[in-house]
Amino acid sequence: MTGERKIIDAPTTRDATGKACCGHLDMRIAHDGKWFYHGTPIPRKEMVCLFASMLTRRDDGTYWLVTPVEEGMIDVEDVPFLAVEMFTCGSGREMVFSFRTNVDEMITLNGHHPLRVVCDDGNGNTGHPPYLSVRDGLEARLTRSVYYELVALGIEEKIGEERLYGVWSSGIFFPLGRLEELV
């Protein structure tokens, strides 16, 4: 049978919603925000943005690409997105910070999209840029340059008995650290 191609049906499982579960996909988001498929970088930003729009995070911490008909798990080295640009308006307690991610989503720092500051990663490493909640358990890590811009606009606030350093956005104070630890 020269020239004929044999088609083999791969076993497919379905979840409770009837979606085909493709299992673990050979797709990875590296620490620097680059997306890879079968070990090869995905060069087209439009494709990365499309995949990013389908990305979800489960309660167990796994990341999944979910379409209306199928889903598959992918690997994420840290978080799926980077905050690559910062915008501000207003001043003082009326200031509002917004961030553009590497997949061109605009996120405003507020009660629905707070910062998560990691003081120590458990390995003795400190000084990590904070993370910004993007949506449904997905986060963006502030790039170092964006983090430095944010810190430069921070102010000191006394909250209770603590002297904190942080920023105001959307009427909420977001601490970046305790002044006693930063000095």
N, C-alpha and C. Protein backbone atom coordinates (compact mmCIF):
# COMPACT_ATOMS: atom_id res chain seq x y z
N MET A 1 0.84 -1.18 0.00
CA MET A 1 0.00 0.00 0.00
C MET A 1 0.88 1.23 0.00
N THR A 2 1.57 1.42 -1.06
CA THR A 2 2.45 2.56 -1.19
C THR A 2 1.64 3.82 -1.44
N GLY A 3 2.04 4.92 -0.72
CA GLY A 3 1.38 6.20 -0.93
C GLY A 3 0.13 6.40 -0.10
N GLU A 4 -0.39 5.36 0.54
CA GLU A 4 -1.59 5.52 1.37
C GLU A 4 -1.17 5.86 2.78
N ARG A 5 -1.93 6.75 3.40
CA ARG A 5 -1.66 7.11 4.79
C ARG A 5 -2.70 6.46 5.68
N LYS A 6 -2.22 5.86 6.73
CA LYS A 6 -3.11 5.23 7.68
C LYS A 6 -3.44 6.22 8.79
N ILE A 7 -4.70 6.40 9.07
CA ILE A 7 -5.14 7.30 10.12
C ILE A 7 -5.44 6.48 11.36
N ILE A 8 -4.79 6.88 12.45
CA ILE A 8 -4.99 6.19 13.73
C ILE A 8 -5.74 7.12 14.66
N ASP A 9 -6.86 6.68 15.17
CA ASP A 9 -7.62 7.48 16.11
C ASP A 9 -6.97 7.39 17.48
N ALA A 10 -6.59 8.55 18.02
CA ALA A 10 -6.03 8.58 19.37
C ALA A 10 -7.18 8.55 20.37
N PRO A 11 -6.98 7.85 21.48
CA PRO A 11 -8.05 7.83 22.49
C PRO A 11 -8.28 9.24 23.04
N THR A 12 -9.52 9.62 23.15
CA THR A 12 -9.88 10.94 23.65
C THR A 12 -10.76 10.76 24.87
N THR A 13 -10.47 11.52 25.91
CA THR A 13 -11.34 11.52 27.07
C THR A 13 -12.15 12.80 27.05
N ARG A 14 -13.27 12.77 27.69
CA ARG A 14 -14.13 13.95 27.75
C ARG A 14 -14.41 14.26 29.20
N ASP A 15 -14.48 15.57 29.49
CA ASP A 15 -14.81 15.98 30.86
C ASP A 15 -16.32 16.03 31.03
N ALA A 16 -16.77 16.51 32.18
CA ALA A 16 -18.20 16.53 32.48
C ALA A 16 -18.98 17.44 31.54
N THR A 17 -18.31 18.43 30.94
CA THR A 17 -19.00 19.34 30.03
C THR A 17 -19.02 18.82 28.60
N GLY A 18 -18.36 17.69 28.35
CA GLY A 18 -18.31 17.11 27.01
C GLY A 18 -17.12 17.56 26.20
N LYS A 19 -16.24 18.39 26.78
CA LYS A 19 -15.04 18.84 26.07
C LYS A 19 -14.04 17.71 25.97
N ALA A 20 -13.37 17.65 24.84
CA ALA A 20 -12.31 16.66 24.67
C ALA A 20 -11.10 17.12 25.48
N CYS A 21 -10.56 16.22 26.29
CA CYS A 21 -9.38 16.52 27.08
C CYS A 21 -8.16 15.97 26.34
N CYS A 22 -7.30 16.86 25.91
CA CYS A 22 -6.12 16.48 25.14
C CYS A 22 -4.95 16.11 26.04
N GLY A 23 -5.14 16.17 27.36
CA GLY A 23 -4.07 15.85 28.29
C GLY A 23 -3.02 16.94 28.33
N HIS A 24 -1.78 16.53 28.54
CA HIS A 24 -0.68 17.49 28.63
C HIS A 24 -0.19 17.83 27.23
N LEU A 25 -0.23 19.13 26.90
CA LEU A 25 0.27 19.61 25.61
C LEU A 25 1.75 19.94 25.76
N ASP A 26 2.51 19.78 24.73
CA ASP A 26 3.93 20.14 24.77
C ASP A 26 4.07 21.63 24.50
N MET A 27 3.48 22.41 25.42
CA MET A 27 3.51 23.86 25.32
C MET A 27 3.97 24.40 26.66
N ARG A 28 4.80 25.47 26.60
CA ARG A 28 5.40 26.00 27.83
C ARG A 28 5.49 27.51 27.73
N ILE A 29 5.27 28.17 28.89
CA ILE A 29 5.52 29.61 29.00
C ILE A 29 6.73 29.75 29.90
N ALA A 30 7.81 30.29 29.35
CA ALA A 30 9.06 30.43 30.08
C ALA A 30 8.98 31.59 31.07
N HIS A 31 9.94 31.64 31.98
CA HIS A 31 10.01 32.68 33.01
C HIS A 31 10.04 34.07 32.40
N ASP A 32 10.62 34.21 31.21
CA ASP A 32 10.72 35.52 30.56
C ASP A 32 9.49 35.86 29.72
N GLY A 33 8.43 35.04 29.81
CA GLY A 33 7.18 35.32 29.10
C GLY A 33 7.10 34.77 27.69
N LYS A 34 8.14 34.12 27.21
CA LYS A 34 8.11 33.54 25.86
C LYS A 34 7.31 32.24 25.87
N TRP A 35 6.54 32.03 24.83
CA TRP A 35 5.73 30.83 24.66
C TRP A 35 6.45 29.88 23.72
N PHE A 36 6.41 28.59 24.04
CA PHE A 36 7.07 27.56 23.24
C PHE A 36 6.07 26.44 22.93
N TYR A 37 6.19 25.89 21.73
CA TYR A 37 5.42 24.71 21.34
C TYR A 37 6.40 23.68 20.80
N HIS A 38 6.41 22.50 21.37
CA HIS A 38 7.37 21.45 21.03
C HIS A 38 8.80 21.97 21.10
N GLY A 39 9.08 22.80 22.11
CA GLY A 39 10.42 23.32 22.33
C GLY A 39 10.82 24.47 21.43
N THR A 40 9.95 24.88 20.52
CA THR A 40 10.25 25.95 19.58
C THR A 40 9.47 27.21 19.96
N PRO A 41 10.12 28.37 20.00
CA PRO A 41 9.39 29.61 20.32
C PRO A 41 8.26 29.86 19.33
N ILE A 42 7.18 30.40 19.83
CA ILE A 42 6.06 30.81 18.98
C ILE A 42 6.35 32.27 18.59
N PRO A 43 6.73 32.51 17.34
CA PRO A 43 7.20 33.85 16.97
C PRO A 43 6.10 34.89 16.75
N ARG A 44 4.90 34.46 16.42
CA ARG A 44 3.83 35.41 16.09
C ARG A 44 3.09 35.85 17.34
N LYS A 45 3.18 37.14 17.64
CA LYS A 45 2.52 37.68 18.82
C LYS A 45 1.01 37.45 18.77
N GLU A 46 0.44 37.51 17.57
CA GLU A 46 -1.01 37.29 17.44
C GLU A 46 -1.40 35.89 17.92
N MET A 47 -0.57 34.90 17.64
CA MET A 47 -0.85 33.53 18.10
C MET A 47 -0.73 33.44 19.62
N VAL A 48 0.31 34.07 20.16
CA VAL A 48 0.49 34.07 21.62
C VAL A 48 -0.70 34.75 22.28
N CYS A 49 -1.15 35.87 21.74
CA CYS A 49 -2.31 36.57 22.31
C CYS A 49 -3.57 35.71 22.23
N LEU A 50 -3.74 34.97 21.14
CA LEU A 50 -4.88 34.07 21.01
C LEU A 50 -4.83 32.98 22.08
N PHE A 51 -3.67 32.34 22.22
CA PHE A 51 -3.53 31.31 23.25
C PHE A 51 -3.76 31.90 24.64
N ALA A 52 -3.23 33.09 24.88
CA ALA A 52 -3.38 33.74 26.19
C ALA A 52 -4.85 33.98 26.53
N SER A 53 -5.65 34.28 25.51
CA SER A 53 -7.08 34.53 25.75
C SER A 53 -7.82 33.26 26.17
N MET A 54 -7.24 32.09 25.89
CA MET A 54 -7.86 30.81 26.23
C MET A 54 -7.30 30.22 27.51
N LEU A 55 -6.32 30.90 28.13
CA LEU A 55 -5.62 30.35 29.28
C LEU A 55 -6.44 30.46 30.55
N THR A 56 -6.48 29.38 31.30
CA THR A 56 -7.13 29.36 32.61
C THR A 56 -6.21 28.69 33.62
N ARG A 57 -6.52 28.89 34.89
CA ARG A 57 -5.77 28.22 35.95
C ARG A 57 -6.76 27.51 36.86
N ARG A 58 -6.48 26.24 37.10
CA ARG A 58 -7.36 25.42 37.95
C ARG A 58 -7.02 25.62 39.43
N ASP A 59 -7.90 25.14 40.28
CA ASP A 59 -7.70 25.25 41.73
C ASP A 59 -6.43 24.54 42.19
N ASP A 60 -6.00 23.51 41.46
CA ASP A 60 -4.79 22.77 41.85
C ASP A 60 -3.51 23.45 41.35
N GLY A 61 -3.65 24.62 40.72
CA GLY A 61 -2.49 25.39 40.26
C GLY A 61 -2.05 25.07 38.84
N THR A 62 -2.69 24.12 38.17
CA THR A 62 -2.30 23.79 36.80
C THR A 62 -2.91 24.80 35.83
N TYR A 63 -2.23 24.97 34.69
CA TYR A 63 -2.65 25.90 33.66
C TYR A 63 -3.20 25.11 32.47
N TRP A 64 -4.32 25.59 31.91
CA TRP A 64 -5.00 24.89 30.82
C TRP A 64 -5.38 25.88 29.73
N LEU A 65 -5.23 25.44 28.49
CA LEU A 65 -5.81 26.14 27.35
C LEU A 65 -7.17 25.52 27.12
N VAL A 66 -8.21 26.33 27.12
CA VAL A 66 -9.58 25.83 27.05
C VAL A 66 -10.31 26.51 25.90
N THR A 67 -10.81 25.70 24.97
CA THR A 67 -11.67 26.19 23.90
C THR A 67 -13.07 25.65 24.17
N PRO A 68 -14.07 26.05 23.40
CA PRO A 68 -15.41 25.51 23.62
C PRO A 68 -15.50 23.99 23.43
N VAL A 69 -14.56 23.37 22.70
CA VAL A 69 -14.68 21.94 22.42
C VAL A 69 -13.55 21.07 22.97
N GLU A 70 -12.42 21.68 23.34
CA GLU A 70 -11.32 20.86 23.87
C GLU A 70 -10.47 21.66 24.84
N GLU A 71 -9.66 20.94 25.59
CA GLU A 71 -8.77 21.58 26.56
C GLU A 71 -7.52 20.74 26.73
N GLY A 72 -6.42 21.43 27.08
CA GLY A 72 -5.16 20.73 27.31
C GLY A 72 -4.32 21.50 28.31
N MET A 73 -3.55 20.78 29.11
CA MET A 73 -2.71 21.38 30.14
C MET A 73 -1.38 21.82 29.55
N ILE A 74 -0.87 22.97 30.02
CA ILE A 74 0.43 23.46 29.59
C ILE A 74 1.30 23.75 30.81
N ASP A 75 2.61 23.91 30.59
CA ASP A 75 3.55 24.23 31.66
C ASP A 75 3.81 25.73 31.70
N VAL A 76 3.87 26.27 32.92
CA VAL A 76 4.20 27.68 33.12
C VAL A 76 5.29 27.73 34.18
N GLU A 77 6.44 28.32 33.81
CA GLU A 77 7.59 28.31 34.72
C GLU A 77 7.39 29.20 35.94
N ASP A 78 6.76 30.33 35.81
CA ASP A 78 6.50 31.21 36.95
C ASP A 78 5.04 31.65 36.89
N VAL A 79 4.77 32.67 36.12
CA VAL A 79 3.40 33.12 35.85
C VAL A 79 3.30 33.32 34.34
N PRO A 80 2.08 33.31 33.80
CA PRO A 80 1.96 33.35 32.34
C PRO A 80 2.23 34.70 31.69
N PHE A 81 2.10 35.78 32.46
CA PHE A 81 2.20 37.09 31.85
C PHE A 81 3.25 37.97 32.53
N LEU A 82 3.68 39.00 31.81
CA LEU A 82 4.58 40.01 32.35
C LEU A 82 3.89 41.37 32.22
N ALA A 83 4.01 42.21 33.24
CA ALA A 83 3.57 43.60 33.14
C ALA A 83 4.75 44.38 32.58
N VAL A 84 4.64 44.82 31.33
CA VAL A 84 5.78 45.39 30.61
C VAL A 84 5.74 46.92 30.49
N GLU A 85 4.62 47.52 30.86
CA GLU A 85 4.52 48.98 30.76
C GLU A 85 3.53 49.47 31.80
N MET A 86 3.82 50.64 32.37
CA MET A 86 2.98 51.21 33.42
C MET A 86 2.47 52.58 33.00
N PHE A 87 1.23 52.87 33.36
CA PHE A 87 0.61 54.16 33.09
C PHE A 87 0.02 54.67 34.39
N THR A 88 0.05 55.98 34.58
CA THR A 88 -0.54 56.57 35.79
C THR A 88 -1.39 57.76 35.41
N CYS A 89 -2.34 58.05 36.27
CA CYS A 89 -3.07 59.32 36.18
C CYS A 89 -3.42 59.73 37.60
N GLY A 90 -3.60 61.00 37.81
CA GLY A 90 -3.89 61.51 39.14
C GLY A 90 -2.63 61.63 39.97
N SER A 91 -2.83 61.96 41.25
CA SER A 91 -1.71 62.08 42.17
C SER A 91 -2.15 61.76 43.58
N GLY A 92 -1.16 61.47 44.43
CA GLY A 92 -1.44 61.17 45.83
C GLY A 92 -2.40 60.00 45.98
N ARG A 93 -3.37 60.17 46.85
CA ARG A 93 -4.35 59.11 47.11
C ARG A 93 -5.35 58.93 45.97
N GLU A 94 -5.36 59.85 45.04
CA GLU A 94 -6.25 59.78 43.87
C GLU A 94 -5.56 59.15 42.66
N MET A 95 -4.33 58.69 42.83
CA MET A 95 -3.58 58.12 41.71
C MET A 95 -4.20 56.78 41.28
N VAL A 96 -4.09 56.49 39.98
CA VAL A 96 -4.52 55.21 39.43
C VAL A 96 -3.38 54.68 38.57
N PHE A 97 -2.99 53.43 38.84
CA PHE A 97 -1.94 52.75 38.09
C PHE A 97 -2.59 51.73 37.17
N SER A 98 -2.15 51.69 35.93
CA SER A 98 -2.57 50.67 34.98
C SER A 98 -1.33 50.07 34.35
N PHE A 99 -1.43 48.81 33.96
CA PHE A 99 -0.30 48.08 33.41
C PHE A 99 -0.71 47.40 32.12
N ARG A 100 0.21 47.39 31.15
CA ARG A 100 0.02 46.64 29.91
C ARG A 100 0.85 45.37 30.02
N THR A 101 0.22 44.25 29.71
CA THR A 101 0.94 42.97 29.76
C THR A 101 1.63 42.69 28.42
N ASN A 102 2.46 41.67 28.42
CA ASN A 102 3.14 41.26 27.20
C ASN A 102 2.18 40.70 26.14
N VAL A 103 0.92 40.47 26.51
CA VAL A 103 -0.09 40.05 25.53
C VAL A 103 -1.12 41.17 25.32
N ASP A 104 -0.70 42.39 25.63
CA ASP A 104 -1.47 43.62 25.37
C ASP A 104 -2.79 43.72 26.12
N GLU A 105 -2.91 43.08 27.27
CA GLU A 105 -4.07 43.30 28.13
C GLU A 105 -3.76 44.47 29.03
N MET A 106 -4.73 45.34 29.24
CA MET A 106 -4.58 46.47 30.15
C MET A 106 -5.26 46.12 31.47
N ILE A 107 -4.51 46.25 32.55
CA ILE A 107 -5.00 45.90 33.87
C ILE A 107 -4.83 47.11 34.79
N THR A 108 -5.91 47.54 35.44
CA THR A 108 -5.84 48.63 36.41
C THR A 108 -5.68 48.05 37.80
N LEU A 109 -4.71 48.56 38.53
CA LEU A 109 -4.47 48.13 39.91
C LEU A 109 -5.62 48.62 40.77
N ASN A 110 -6.41 47.65 41.29
CA ASN A 110 -7.56 47.98 42.11
C ASN A 110 -7.92 46.77 42.97
N GLY A 111 -9.07 46.80 43.60
CA GLY A 111 -9.48 45.70 44.47
C GLY A 111 -9.67 44.38 43.76
N HIS A 112 -10.02 44.41 42.49
CA HIS A 112 -10.19 43.19 41.70
C HIS A 112 -8.88 42.71 41.10
N HIS A 113 -7.93 43.61 41.01
CA HIS A 113 -6.61 43.30 40.42
C HIS A 113 -5.51 43.82 41.34
N PRO A 114 -5.35 43.16 42.52
CA PRO A 114 -4.36 43.64 43.49
C PRO A 114 -2.95 43.16 43.17
N LEU A 115 -2.00 43.73 43.90
CA LEU A 115 -0.61 43.28 43.84
C LEU A 115 -0.39 42.18 44.87
N ARG A 116 0.49 41.25 44.54
CA ARG A 116 0.94 40.24 45.49
C ARG A 116 2.46 40.39 45.60
N VAL A 117 2.92 40.76 46.79
CA VAL A 117 4.34 40.98 47.02
C VAL A 117 4.94 39.73 47.64
N VAL A 118 6.04 39.26 47.06
CA VAL A 118 6.75 38.09 47.57
C VAL A 118 8.04 38.59 48.21
N CYS A 119 8.09 38.53 49.55
CA CYS A 119 9.29 39.02 50.24
C CYS A 119 10.42 38.02 50.19
N ASP A 120 10.09 36.74 50.25
CA ASP A 120 11.11 35.67 50.25
C ASP A 120 10.49 34.49 49.52
N ASP A 121 11.20 33.95 48.54
CA ASP A 121 10.65 32.85 47.74
C ASP A 121 10.81 31.48 48.38
N GLY A 122 11.28 31.46 49.64
CA GLY A 122 11.48 30.18 50.32
C GLY A 122 12.88 29.63 50.15
N ASN A 123 13.62 30.18 49.22
CA ASN A 123 15.01 29.76 48.99
C ASN A 123 16.00 30.82 49.47
N GLY A 124 15.51 31.78 50.25
CA GLY A 124 16.37 32.84 50.74
C GLY A 124 16.54 33.99 49.75
N ASN A 125 15.85 33.93 48.61
CA ASN A 125 15.94 35.00 47.61
C ASN A 125 14.90 36.05 47.93
N THR A 126 15.33 37.30 48.00
CA THR A 126 14.41 38.39 48.30
C THR A 126 14.47 39.43 47.18
N GLY A 127 13.59 40.42 47.27
CA GLY A 127 13.62 41.51 46.31
C GLY A 127 12.97 41.21 44.97
N HIS A 128 12.04 40.28 44.95
CA HIS A 128 11.36 39.94 43.70
C HIS A 128 10.33 41.01 43.35
N PRO A 129 10.18 41.33 42.07
CA PRO A 129 9.10 42.24 41.69
C PRO A 129 7.75 41.62 42.06
N PRO A 130 6.78 42.45 42.36
CA PRO A 130 5.46 41.91 42.73
C PRO A 130 4.70 41.34 41.52
N TYR A 131 3.62 40.68 41.84
CA TYR A 131 2.74 40.08 40.84
C TYR A 131 1.41 40.84 40.85
N LEU A 132 0.81 40.96 39.69
CA LEU A 132 -0.46 41.65 39.52
C LEU A 132 -1.50 40.63 39.09
N SER A 133 -2.63 40.61 39.79
CA SER A 133 -3.73 39.71 39.42
C SER A 133 -4.33 40.20 38.10
N VAL A 134 -4.39 39.29 37.12
CA VAL A 134 -4.92 39.63 35.81
C VAL A 134 -6.38 39.19 35.69
N ARG A 135 -6.62 37.88 35.89
CA ARG A 135 -7.98 37.37 35.85
C ARG A 135 -7.98 35.92 36.34
N ASP A 136 -9.00 35.54 37.06
CA ASP A 136 -9.27 34.16 37.44
C ASP A 136 -8.02 33.34 37.83
N GLY A 137 -7.23 33.85 38.76
CA GLY A 137 -6.06 33.12 39.22
C GLY A 137 -4.82 33.28 38.36
N LEU A 138 -4.92 34.02 37.27
CA LEU A 138 -3.77 34.28 36.40
C LEU A 138 -3.10 35.58 36.84
N GLU A 139 -1.76 35.58 36.84
CA GLU A 139 -1.02 36.74 37.29
C GLU A 139 0.01 37.17 36.26
N ALA A 140 0.42 38.43 36.39
CA ALA A 140 1.53 38.98 35.61
C ALA A 140 2.60 39.43 36.60
N ARG A 141 3.84 39.10 36.31
CA ARG A 141 4.95 39.58 37.12
C ARG A 141 5.41 40.92 36.54
N LEU A 142 5.56 41.92 37.40
CA LEU A 142 6.08 43.20 36.93
C LEU A 142 7.53 43.00 36.50
N THR A 143 7.86 43.47 35.32
CA THR A 143 9.26 43.42 34.90
C THR A 143 10.05 44.33 35.84
N ARG A 144 11.34 44.10 35.92
CA ARG A 144 12.16 44.87 36.86
C ARG A 144 12.06 46.37 36.58
N SER A 145 12.08 46.79 35.32
CA SER A 145 12.01 48.22 35.00
C SER A 145 10.66 48.81 35.43
N VAL A 146 9.58 48.07 35.23
CA VAL A 146 8.26 48.55 35.64
C VAL A 146 8.18 48.61 37.17
N TYR A 147 8.75 47.62 37.82
CA TYR A 147 8.79 47.60 39.29
C TYR A 147 9.53 48.84 39.81
N TYR A 148 10.68 49.18 39.21
CA TYR A 148 11.43 50.35 39.65
C TYR A 148 10.64 51.63 39.42
N GLU A 149 9.89 51.72 38.32
CA GLU A 149 9.02 52.87 38.09
C GLU A 149 7.97 52.98 39.19
N LEU A 150 7.39 51.83 39.55
CA LEU A 150 6.36 51.79 40.59
C LEU A 150 6.94 52.24 41.92
N VAL A 151 8.10 51.70 42.29
CA VAL A 151 8.73 52.04 43.56
C VAL A 151 9.06 53.53 43.62
N ALA A 152 9.50 54.10 42.50
CA ALA A 152 9.85 55.52 42.45
C ALA A 152 8.65 56.41 42.75
N LEU A 153 7.44 55.92 42.52
CA LEU A 153 6.23 56.70 42.77
C LEU A 153 5.58 56.36 44.11
N GLY A 154 6.21 55.48 44.88
CA GLY A 154 5.66 55.08 46.17
C GLY A 154 5.75 56.17 47.21
N ILE A 155 4.95 55.99 48.26
CA ILE A 155 4.94 56.93 49.38
C ILE A 155 4.89 56.15 50.69
N GLU A 156 5.22 56.84 51.76
CA GLU A 156 5.16 56.24 53.09
C GLU A 156 3.78 56.47 53.67
N GLU A 157 3.24 55.42 54.27
CA GLU A 157 1.94 55.50 54.94
C GLU A 157 2.05 54.78 56.28
N LYS A 158 1.39 55.32 57.28
CA LYS A 158 1.33 54.63 58.57
C LYS A 158 -0.03 53.94 58.64
N ILE A 159 0.01 52.62 58.66
CA ILE A 159 -1.20 51.81 58.73
C ILE A 159 -1.15 51.10 60.09
N GLY A 160 -2.05 51.51 61.00
CA GLY A 160 -1.98 50.98 62.37
C GLY A 160 -0.69 51.47 62.99
N GLU A 161 0.12 50.55 63.47
CA GLU A 161 1.41 50.87 64.08
C GLU A 161 2.57 50.68 63.11
N GLU A 162 2.28 50.27 61.86
CA GLU A 162 3.34 49.97 60.91
C GLU A 162 3.57 51.13 59.94
N ARG A 163 4.84 51.37 59.66
CA ARG A 163 5.21 52.31 58.60
C ARG A 163 5.43 51.49 57.34
N LEU A 164 4.58 51.71 56.36
CA LEU A 164 4.64 50.95 55.12
C LEU A 164 5.00 51.86 53.95
N TYR A 165 5.63 51.27 52.96
CA TYR A 165 5.95 51.96 51.73
C TYR A 165 5.12 51.30 50.64
N GLY A 166 4.42 52.10 49.83
CA GLY A 166 3.59 51.53 48.79
C GLY A 166 3.01 52.59 47.90
N VAL A 167 1.96 52.21 47.19
CA VAL A 167 1.30 53.13 46.26
C VAL A 167 -0.20 53.12 46.48
N TRP A 168 -0.82 54.24 46.17
CA TRP A 168 -2.27 54.34 46.14
C TRP A 168 -2.73 54.15 44.70
N SER A 169 -3.75 53.34 44.52
CA SER A 169 -4.37 53.19 43.20
C SER A 169 -5.84 52.88 43.39
N SER A 170 -6.67 53.58 42.69
CA SER A 170 -8.12 53.36 42.73
C SER A 170 -8.66 53.46 44.16
N GLY A 171 -8.06 54.35 44.96
CA GLY A 171 -8.52 54.57 46.33
C GLY A 171 -8.06 53.54 47.33
N ILE A 172 -7.16 52.65 46.96
CA ILE A 172 -6.67 51.58 47.85
C ILE A 172 -5.15 51.70 47.97
N PHE A 173 -4.63 51.53 49.20
CA PHE A 173 -3.19 51.55 49.40
C PHE A 173 -2.66 50.13 49.22
N PHE A 174 -1.66 49.99 48.35
CA PHE A 174 -1.03 48.70 48.08
C PHE A 174 0.40 48.74 48.62
N PRO A 175 0.63 48.07 49.76
CA PRO A 175 1.98 48.11 50.34
C PRO A 175 2.97 47.31 49.50
N LEU A 176 4.18 47.85 49.39
CA LEU A 176 5.28 47.18 48.72
C LEU A 176 6.25 46.59 49.75
N GLY A 177 6.16 47.07 50.99
CA GLY A 177 7.02 46.54 52.06
C GLY A 177 6.97 47.44 53.27
N ARG A 178 7.54 46.93 54.37
CA ARG A 178 7.64 47.71 55.61
C ARG A 178 8.91 48.56 55.53
N LEU A 179 8.79 49.80 55.93
CA LEU A 179 9.95 50.69 55.84
C LEU A 179 11.12 50.19 56.68
N GLU A 180 10.82 49.58 57.82
CA GLU A 180 11.89 49.07 58.68
C GLU A 180 12.71 47.99 57.96
N GLU A 181 12.06 47.21 57.10
CA GLU A 181 12.74 46.17 56.36
C GLU A 181 13.46 46.71 55.13
N LEU A 182 12.96 47.82 54.60
CA LEU A 182 13.53 48.38 53.38
C LEU A 182 14.74 49.28 53.66
N VAL A 183 14.83 49.84 54.86
CA VAL A 183 15.91 50.77 55.18
C VAL A 183 17.14 50.04 55.68
